[in-house]
Each structure stands twice: as C-alpha cells, then as structure tokens.
C-alpha cells in the first residue's frame, strides 16, 4: 500500500489534468460524431411545389413534438425536393402527408408531418400530391383578380361622398383625408380595366416563371459556376488586364512620339495606293503577261522548274582552289588539284 500511494503521489498533476482533458475531448467528439452520423434517425425526402423559405436545420414535428430536422433542399424539375431526417421510431407510411408551416411572425418555417398508411413509403419519398406549402403565388394572384372584378368601385365612391358630408364639423385633416380617399376610389374606378389587365398579366408571368423554374435554376447554377471560375482565375485576369494596359500605354507612346513619321507613312501609302489605282490597266497587263514570259524563259534556259547557269571559274585564284582541294577529305569531296604544294 505504501508503494502504491507513493507512485500516485509522485505523478505530476499536469499529467493527470492532460489525461482528463483528453478523455473529455474524446467523449465530446464521439457524441458529436454520433449526432452527425444520424444514428437513430431515418432519412426521407418530400416533394414540394416550392421551397417556401424552408432551409436546412428547420424542425420536423409530429403533433407539435419535434421528431427530426430538415437536411437540405434541391430543385428537381418543376418541384423542390426537401431532405428529412426523422427518428426511426416514427413510422412514415405511403399515406403520410407533409406541410410547410410558419412558426412565428418573423417567418420561421417548420415541416408538419402526419404519418399515415401501413405500406412502406415508395423510394422513401413523400410525393407532391401529399405535400403542401403556406402559399401559392399563382393561386393568390388568380384569387385577387376574381375578387377585384366583383368590387363595385362606384358604390364605394358614393359611400365615401356620404361619409365626407357627415364629417363637415370635424377638423380639416379628416375631411381632407376622406376627399383623398374619394379621389383614390375614382381613380381605381376609372382604371379598373387596366388594373384587371395588370393582374391578369402578372398571373401569366407567374405561370410562365413557374413553368420555367427548372431552366431558371439551371441558369442560376451556371451563373454561379461562371462567377466561381472568374474568382478562381482572378489573378490571371488581373495579369491579363495589366498586360493589356501596358500594351495600350506602349502603343500610345509610340503613336504620340512618332506622330509625324506615321502621318508621313500614311500619306505616302495613300499616294502609292492612288498611283496603283491610276495604273490599274498596266498592272493587269503585267500580271497577264508575266506567266507567258516566265514559261518562255524556262523553256529557253531551264530543264525543269529552275534555270541552269554556267559560271566560269576565271575570277578564282589558283591558291584558293588549292586551299579548297586541301580540305576536300574533311568534307568528303573530290580533290581537284592533286599537284598543289
């Protein structure tokens, strides 16, 4: 017992503390890894008409109790695919429904899950027919158009006139407000057809955007890839712009320093062009006669596509020929003068 106590007492307190910290970190990391791996959870997917601002990390509830989290969203064709991570004890059958709901006035979202059905869920995906979103912009615009057509703007204007007459004894601000409201009603009444056309056009634009949302999503993704490529090649683009700027500066200095010479060259070039234009007939004749003259010269002096010319060796001194003959072996040539000394 004395030996054991001495061993424990002789150990450094720093070593014991380091071991304790390492064990604590390992436990925390293990818990985080287990949570990250999703042990005890099952992954599902749900098809929604639109994302409705749902995002990764939002709650999934069953009867008001949180049973999982949203793992992400992606655009697939004409609908949005939302990833769901739900506790394994929640049975999600083929008749299950999922709806995106608003949690607070600030716009927080959650997924309300209503499990149903005994058959297993096909492809672990809740179909679009069994999901719902808080609002549909196209439906809202269509309802607004129908509601606006039923409004009797003339009756509203008469009601405002009667109210304005009954408020004559009130402070001037209130009658003025009523008068402004009456004028607004008159404007709405006179522009009723235009406002109806505007709402109808807005509904058409919304329908077109909804039909093209897959293409718009692809365009956004391509734009993101393009911007990412530009960011990745930012240094190369910077060097390219610097080089172009330097070239422009050099060309500018050349033009400014040699402006008189360039003007003279351009003037001479203009004169040459004018002269060639004036003697266009002569140039045409030369170009037409040149092939005939070349063929005749070739027939007279050549044996092929070249001219044979015999040049006498008279101008060459004998000592030069002896020097060439002396180095003939070096270049694998015939020795012409063997009697050179």
Protein backbone atom coordinates (compact mmCIF):
# COMPACT_ATOMS: atom_id res chain seq x y z
CA UNK A 1 0.00 0.00 0.00
CA UNK A 2 2.81 2.41 0.75
CA UNK A 3 4.43 1.77 -2.63
CA UNK A 4 1.14 2.41 -4.47
CA UNK A 5 0.47 5.63 -2.62
CA UNK A 6 3.96 6.85 -3.36
CA UNK A 7 3.52 6.12 -7.05
CA UNK A 8 0.24 8.05 -7.20
CA UNK A 9 1.59 10.92 -5.18
CA UNK A 10 4.72 11.10 -7.31
CA UNK A 11 2.76 11.55 -10.54
CA UNK A 12 2.55 15.08 -11.89
CA UNK A 13 -0.74 16.92 -11.51
CA UNK A 14 -0.26 18.29 -15.03
CA UNK A 15 -0.18 14.76 -16.46
CA UNK A 16 -3.40 13.81 -14.70
CA UNK A 17 -5.05 17.02 -15.91
CA UNK A 18 -3.92 16.45 -19.50
CA UNK A 19 -5.31 12.91 -19.47
CA UNK A 20 -8.62 14.18 -18.08
CA UNK A 21 -8.89 16.87 -20.76
CA UNK A 22 -8.08 14.35 -23.50
CA UNK A 23 -10.74 11.94 -22.25
CA UNK A 24 -13.31 14.77 -22.09
CA UNK A 25 -12.50 15.91 -25.64
CA UNK A 26 -12.75 12.33 -26.89
CA UNK A 27 -16.18 11.91 -25.28
CA UNK A 28 -17.48 15.21 -26.72
CA UNK A 29 -16.12 14.34 -30.17
CA UNK A 30 -17.72 10.92 -30.00
CA UNK A 31 -21.10 12.42 -29.10
CA UNK A 32 -20.85 14.95 -31.94
CA UNK A 33 -19.85 12.24 -34.42
CA UNK A 34 -22.77 10.07 -33.36
CA UNK A 35 -25.14 13.00 -33.80
CA UNK A 36 -23.58 13.86 -37.16
CA UNK A 37 -23.81 10.29 -38.39
CA UNK A 38 -27.54 10.34 -37.67
CA UNK A 39 -27.69 7.17 -35.61
CA UNK A 40 -31.25 6.51 -34.56
CA UNK A 41 -32.67 8.50 -37.49
CA UNK A 42 -34.05 7.59 -40.90
CA UNK A 43 -33.64 9.78 -43.97
CA UNK A 44 -36.67 10.58 -46.12
CA UNK A 45 -37.46 13.05 -48.88
CA UNK A 46 -40.53 15.11 -49.67
CA UNK A 47 -41.59 16.82 -52.90
CA UNK A 48 -42.98 20.37 -52.53
CA UNK A 49 -44.36 22.79 -55.12
CA UNK A 50 -41.91 25.43 -53.85
CA UNK A 51 -39.30 25.84 -51.11
CA UNK A 52 -41.38 28.38 -49.11
CA UNK A 53 -38.13 29.56 -47.42
CA UNK A 54 -37.59 26.20 -45.72
CA UNK A 55 -33.91 25.61 -45.05
CA UNK A 56 -31.52 23.11 -43.55
CA UNK A 57 -31.85 22.80 -39.77
CA UNK A 58 -35.57 23.61 -39.56
CA UNK A 59 -37.65 21.38 -37.29
CA UNK A 60 -39.88 18.49 -38.31
CA UNK A 61 -42.82 17.98 -35.95
CA UNK A 62 -45.50 15.37 -35.39
CA UNK A 63 -48.44 16.66 -33.33
CA UNK A 64 -46.29 19.59 -32.17
CA UNK A 65 -43.36 17.43 -31.00
CA UNK A 66 -40.00 17.74 -32.75
CA UNK A 67 -39.00 14.43 -34.35
CA UNK A 68 -36.23 15.50 -36.73
CA UNK A 69 -34.56 18.15 -38.83
CA UNK A 70 -34.52 19.31 -42.44
CA UNK A 71 -31.23 18.30 -44.09
CA UNK A 72 -31.39 20.37 -47.27
CA UNK A 73 -33.31 21.42 -50.38
CA UNK A 74 -32.71 20.95 -54.11
CA UNK A 75 -34.55 21.87 -57.31
CA UNK A 76 -35.67 18.82 -59.32
CA UNK A 77 -37.67 19.57 -62.47
CA UNK A 78 -40.76 21.61 -61.60
CA UNK A 79 -40.69 20.95 -57.85
CA UNK A 80 -38.41 21.19 -54.82
CA UNK A 81 -37.01 18.11 -53.10
CA UNK A 82 -36.56 18.55 -49.32
CA UNK A 83 -34.40 16.15 -47.32
CA UNK A 84 -35.86 14.96 -43.98
CA UNK A 85 -34.09 13.23 -41.08
CA UNK A 86 -36.72 11.65 -38.83
CA UNK A 87 -36.45 9.48 -35.70
CA UNK A 88 -36.51 5.79 -36.51
CA UNK A 89 -39.44 5.15 -34.16
CA UNK A 90 -41.72 7.35 -36.34
CA UNK A 91 -43.35 5.14 -38.98
CA UNK A 92 -43.77 7.08 -42.21
CA UNK A 93 -46.13 5.11 -44.44
CA UNK A 94 -47.33 5.53 -48.01
CA UNK A 95 -50.23 7.77 -46.92
CA UNK A 96 -48.12 10.24 -44.94
CA UNK A 97 -48.54 13.98 -45.53
CA UNK A 98 -46.05 16.83 -45.04
CA UNK A 99 -46.80 20.56 -44.96
CA UNK A 100 -44.52 23.55 -44.59
CA UNK A 101 -45.86 25.81 -41.83
CA UNK A 102 -44.96 29.24 -40.46
CA UNK A 103 -43.71 29.18 -36.87
CA UNK A 104 -43.52 32.88 -35.93
CA UNK A 105 -44.45 36.27 -37.32
CA UNK A 106 -40.82 36.72 -38.32
CA UNK A 107 -41.21 33.97 -40.90
CA UNK A 108 -39.56 30.90 -39.34
CA UNK A 109 -40.63 27.66 -41.01
CA UNK A 110 -41.07 24.03 -39.97
CA UNK A 111 -42.37 20.84 -41.58
CA UNK A 112 -45.55 19.39 -40.11
CA UNK A 113 -45.53 15.62 -40.65
CA UNK A 114 -48.68 13.50 -40.44
CA UNK A 115 -47.68 9.82 -40.63
CA UNK A 116 -50.28 7.51 -42.18
CA UNK A 117 -50.51 4.25 -44.08
CA UNK A 118 -49.35 0.72 -43.36
CA UNK A 119 -47.50 0.18 -46.64
CA UNK A 120 -43.87 1.34 -46.80
CA UNK A 121 -43.12 4.68 -48.43
CA UNK A 122 -42.02 4.20 -52.04
CA UNK A 123 -38.43 5.35 -52.65
CA UNK A 124 -38.51 6.90 -49.15
CA UNK A 125 -40.14 9.94 -50.78
CA UNK A 126 -43.42 11.69 -49.92
CA UNK A 127 -45.00 12.55 -53.30
CA UNK A 128 -46.00 16.03 -54.39
CA UNK A 129 -49.70 15.18 -54.07
CA UNK A 130 -49.26 14.62 -50.30
CA UNK A 131 -47.41 17.86 -49.52
CA UNK A 132 -48.47 21.46 -49.04
CA UNK A 133 -46.92 24.94 -48.81
CA UNK A 134 -48.07 28.04 -46.87
CA UNK A 135 -48.99 29.97 -50.01
CA UNK A 136 -49.10 29.67 -53.79
CA UNK A 137 -48.37 32.96 -55.58
CA UNK A 138 -50.20 31.93 -58.74
CA UNK A 139 -53.35 30.97 -56.84
CA UNK A 140 -53.18 34.18 -54.80
CA UNK A 141 -52.98 36.33 -57.93
CA UNK A 142 -55.83 34.41 -59.54
CA UNK A 143 -57.98 34.93 -56.43
CA UNK A 144 -57.06 38.62 -56.34
CA UNK A 145 -58.13 39.03 -59.96
CA UNK A 146 -61.50 37.38 -59.31
CA UNK A 147 -62.09 39.36 -56.13
CA UNK A 148 -61.20 42.67 -57.75
CA UNK A 149 -63.67 42.09 -60.57
CA UNK A 150 -66.50 41.82 -58.02
CA UNK A 151 -65.71 45.17 -56.34
CA UNK A 152 -68.22 47.95 -57.05
CA UNK A 153 -65.96 51.00 -57.16
CA UNK A 154 -68.89 53.37 -57.91
CA UNK A 155 -70.72 52.29 -54.77
CA UNK A 156 -67.54 52.79 -52.74
CA UNK A 157 -67.21 56.30 -54.17
CA UNK A 158 -70.81 57.20 -53.22
CA UNK A 159 -70.27 55.83 -49.72
CA UNK A 160 -67.15 57.93 -49.29
CA UNK A 161 -69.03 61.05 -50.50
CA UNK A 162 -71.77 60.47 -47.92
CA UNK A 163 -69.19 59.93 -45.19
CA UNK A 164 -67.39 63.11 -46.22
CA UNK A 165 -70.61 65.19 -45.94
CA UNK A 166 -71.25 63.81 -42.46
CA UNK A 167 -67.75 64.80 -41.32
CA UNK A 168 -68.05 68.52 -42.09
CA UNK A 169 -67.82 69.51 -38.41
CA UNK A 170 -64.60 67.60 -37.78
CA UNK A 171 -61.06 69.04 -38.01
CA UNK A 172 -59.91 69.87 -41.55
CA UNK A 173 -57.48 66.97 -41.68
CA UNK A 174 -60.16 64.24 -41.56
CA UNK A 175 -62.32 65.66 -44.41
CA UNK A 176 -59.20 66.14 -46.48
CA UNK A 177 -58.28 62.50 -45.89
CA UNK A 178 -61.77 61.44 -46.90
CA UNK A 179 -61.55 63.60 -50.02
CA UNK A 180 -58.25 61.97 -50.94
CA UNK A 181 -59.82 58.56 -50.39
CA UNK A 182 -62.73 59.53 -52.65
CA UNK A 183 -60.32 60.63 -55.38
CA UNK A 184 -58.46 57.36 -54.98
CA UNK A 185 -61.70 55.45 -55.42
CA UNK A 186 -62.45 57.47 -58.55
CA UNK A 187 -59.01 56.65 -59.96
CA UNK A 188 -59.49 52.96 -59.19
CA UNK A 189 -62.90 53.04 -60.82
CA UNK A 190 -61.59 54.74 -63.97
CA UNK A 191 -58.59 52.42 -64.23
CA UNK A 192 -60.47 49.25 -63.35
CA UNK A 193 -59.92 47.57 -66.70
CA UNK A 194 -56.23 48.46 -66.71
CA UNK A 195 -55.72 47.13 -63.17
CA UNK A 196 -57.55 43.93 -64.12
CA UNK A 197 -55.30 43.53 -67.16
CA UNK A 198 -52.26 44.16 -64.97
CA UNK A 199 -53.30 41.44 -62.52
CA UNK A 200 -54.03 39.04 -65.38
CA UNK A 201 -50.64 39.77 -66.92
CA UNK A 202 -48.96 39.26 -63.56
CA UNK A 203 -50.68 35.89 -63.23
CA UNK A 204 -49.47 34.93 -66.73
CA UNK A 205 -45.91 35.96 -65.90
CA UNK A 206 -46.06 33.97 -62.67
CA UNK A 207 -47.30 30.91 -64.55
CA UNK A 208 -44.51 31.27 -67.11
CA UNK A 209 -41.88 31.61 -64.37
CA UNK A 210 -43.30 28.57 -62.64
CA UNK A 211 -43.09 26.53 -65.84
CA UNK A 212 -39.54 27.71 -66.46
CA UNK A 213 -38.28 27.39 -62.89
CA UNK A 214 -36.12 24.40 -63.82
CA UNK A 215 -34.43 26.41 -66.60
CA UNK A 216 -34.07 29.42 -64.31
CA UNK A 217 -32.50 27.21 -61.65
CA UNK A 218 -30.09 25.75 -64.22
CA UNK A 219 -29.24 29.29 -65.38
CA UNK A 220 -28.53 30.38 -61.81
CA UNK A 221 -26.32 27.32 -61.27
CA UNK A 222 -24.42 28.06 -64.49
CA UNK A 223 -24.02 31.68 -63.44
CA UNK A 224 -22.68 30.53 -60.08
CA UNK A 225 -20.20 28.25 -61.86
CA UNK A 226 -19.16 31.14 -64.13
CA UNK A 227 -18.61 33.51 -61.22
CA UNK A 228 -16.69 30.80 -59.35
CA UNK A 229 -14.46 30.31 -62.41
CA UNK A 230 -13.89 34.07 -62.61
CA UNK A 231 -12.98 34.13 -58.91
CA UNK A 232 -10.62 31.18 -59.38
CA UNK A 233 -8.95 32.91 -62.32
CA UNK A 234 -8.91 36.34 -60.73
CA UNK A 235 -5.12 36.51 -60.65
CA UNK A 236 -4.85 35.51 -64.33
CA UNK A 237 -7.46 38.09 -65.32
CA UNK A 238 -5.63 40.74 -63.30
CA UNK A 239 -2.35 39.95 -65.06
CA UNK A 240 -4.13 39.99 -68.44
CA UNK A 241 -5.64 43.41 -67.75
CA UNK A 242 -2.25 44.73 -66.62
CA UNK A 243 -0.62 43.42 -69.80
CA UNK A 244 -3.33 44.96 -71.99
CA UNK A 245 -2.94 48.27 -70.15
CA UNK A 246 0.82 48.16 -70.67
CA UNK A 247 0.41 47.38 -74.38
CA UNK A 248 -2.02 50.27 -74.77
CA UNK A 249 0.41 52.61 -72.99
CA UNK A 250 3.29 51.48 -75.24
CA UNK A 251 1.20 51.88 -78.40
CA UNK A 252 0.04 55.28 -77.20
CA UNK A 253 3.62 56.42 -76.57
CA UNK A 254 4.71 55.10 -79.99
CA UNK A 255 1.90 56.91 -81.75
CA UNK A 256 2.47 60.15 -79.84
CA UNK A 257 6.28 60.13 -80.22
CA UNK A 258 6.22 59.21 -83.92
CA UNK A 259 3.08 61.02 -84.95
CA UNK A 260 4.83 62.97 -87.68
CA UNK A 261 6.53 59.86 -89.11
CA UNK A 262 3.29 57.88 -89.04
CA UNK A 263 1.48 60.71 -90.77
CA UNK A 264 4.17 60.70 -93.47
CA UNK A 265 3.95 56.92 -93.90
CA UNK A 266 0.19 57.10 -94.19
CA UNK A 267 0.44 59.95 -96.69
CA UNK A 268 2.98 58.01 -98.81
CA UNK A 269 0.83 54.90 -98.59
CA UNK A 270 -2.13 56.92 -99.78
CA UNK A 271 -0.07 58.22 -102.73
CA UNK A 272 1.09 54.70 -103.64
CA UNK A 273 -2.47 53.45 -103.50
CA UNK A 274 -3.64 56.31 -105.68
CA UNK A 275 -0.84 55.65 -108.19
CA UNK A 276 -1.71 51.96 -108.35
CA UNK A 277 -5.33 52.87 -108.86
CA UNK A 278 -4.40 55.19 -111.73
CA UNK A 279 -2.28 52.48 -113.44
CA UNK A 280 -4.71 49.67 -112.89
CA UNK A 281 -4.71 48.73 -116.61
CA UNK A 282 -0.91 48.48 -116.67
CA UNK A 283 -0.86 46.22 -113.59
CA UNK A 284 -3.48 43.97 -115.15
CA UNK A 285 -1.43 43.69 -118.34
CA UNK A 286 1.76 42.87 -116.40
CA UNK A 287 0.00 40.19 -114.38
CA UNK A 288 -1.48 38.68 -117.54
CA UNK A 289 1.83 38.66 -119.50
CA UNK A 290 4.14 37.55 -116.66
CA UNK A 291 3.21 33.83 -116.77
CA UNK A 292 3.89 33.69 -120.53
CA UNK A 293 7.31 35.37 -120.17
CA UNK A 294 8.31 33.08 -117.30
CA UNK A 295 7.33 29.97 -119.27
CA UNK A 296 9.34 31.10 -122.31
CA UNK A 297 12.41 31.86 -120.16
CA UNK A 298 12.14 28.46 -118.51
CA UNK A 299 11.89 26.70 -121.84
CA UNK A 300 14.96 28.55 -123.11
CA UNK A 301 17.32 28.27 -120.14
CA UNK A 302 15.99 25.61 -117.78
CA UNK A 303 15.48 21.86 -117.58
CA UNK A 304 12.71 21.92 -115.02
CA UNK A 305 11.36 24.38 -112.55
CA UNK A 306 14.82 26.06 -112.28
CA UNK A 307 17.37 27.88 -114.50
CA UNK A 308 20.74 26.31 -115.48
CA UNK A 309 23.57 28.86 -115.34
CA UNK A 310 27.26 28.03 -116.01
CA UNK A 311 29.64 30.45 -114.29
CA UNK A 312 33.34 30.23 -115.31
CA UNK A 313 35.97 29.83 -112.61
CA UNK A 314 38.10 32.58 -114.03
CA UNK A 315 37.78 35.01 -111.17
CA UNK A 316 39.03 32.40 -108.66
CA UNK A 317 42.79 32.39 -107.92
CA UNK A 318 44.69 29.06 -108.03
CA UNK A 319 45.71 29.36 -104.40
CA UNK A 320 42.03 29.42 -103.44
CA UNK A 321 41.37 26.28 -105.45
CA UNK A 322 44.36 24.58 -103.82
CA UNK A 323 43.06 25.55 -100.39
CA UNK A 324 39.65 24.08 -101.21
CA UNK A 325 41.27 20.90 -102.61
CA UNK A 326 43.40 20.50 -99.47
CA UNK A 327 40.28 20.36 -97.25
CA UNK A 328 38.34 18.13 -99.62
CA UNK A 329 38.82 14.99 -97.49
CA UNK A 330 37.46 16.76 -94.44
CA UNK A 331 34.18 17.41 -96.21
CA UNK A 332 34.14 14.13 -98.22
CA UNK A 333 34.72 15.95 -101.52
CA UNK A 334 36.82 15.13 -104.61
CA UNK A 335 40.36 16.59 -104.72
CA UNK A 336 40.50 18.63 -107.91
CA UNK A 337 44.15 19.69 -107.70
CA UNK A 338 46.47 16.95 -106.54
CA UNK A 339 49.66 18.80 -107.57
CA UNK A 340 49.11 21.70 -105.20
CA UNK A 341 52.03 22.24 -102.85
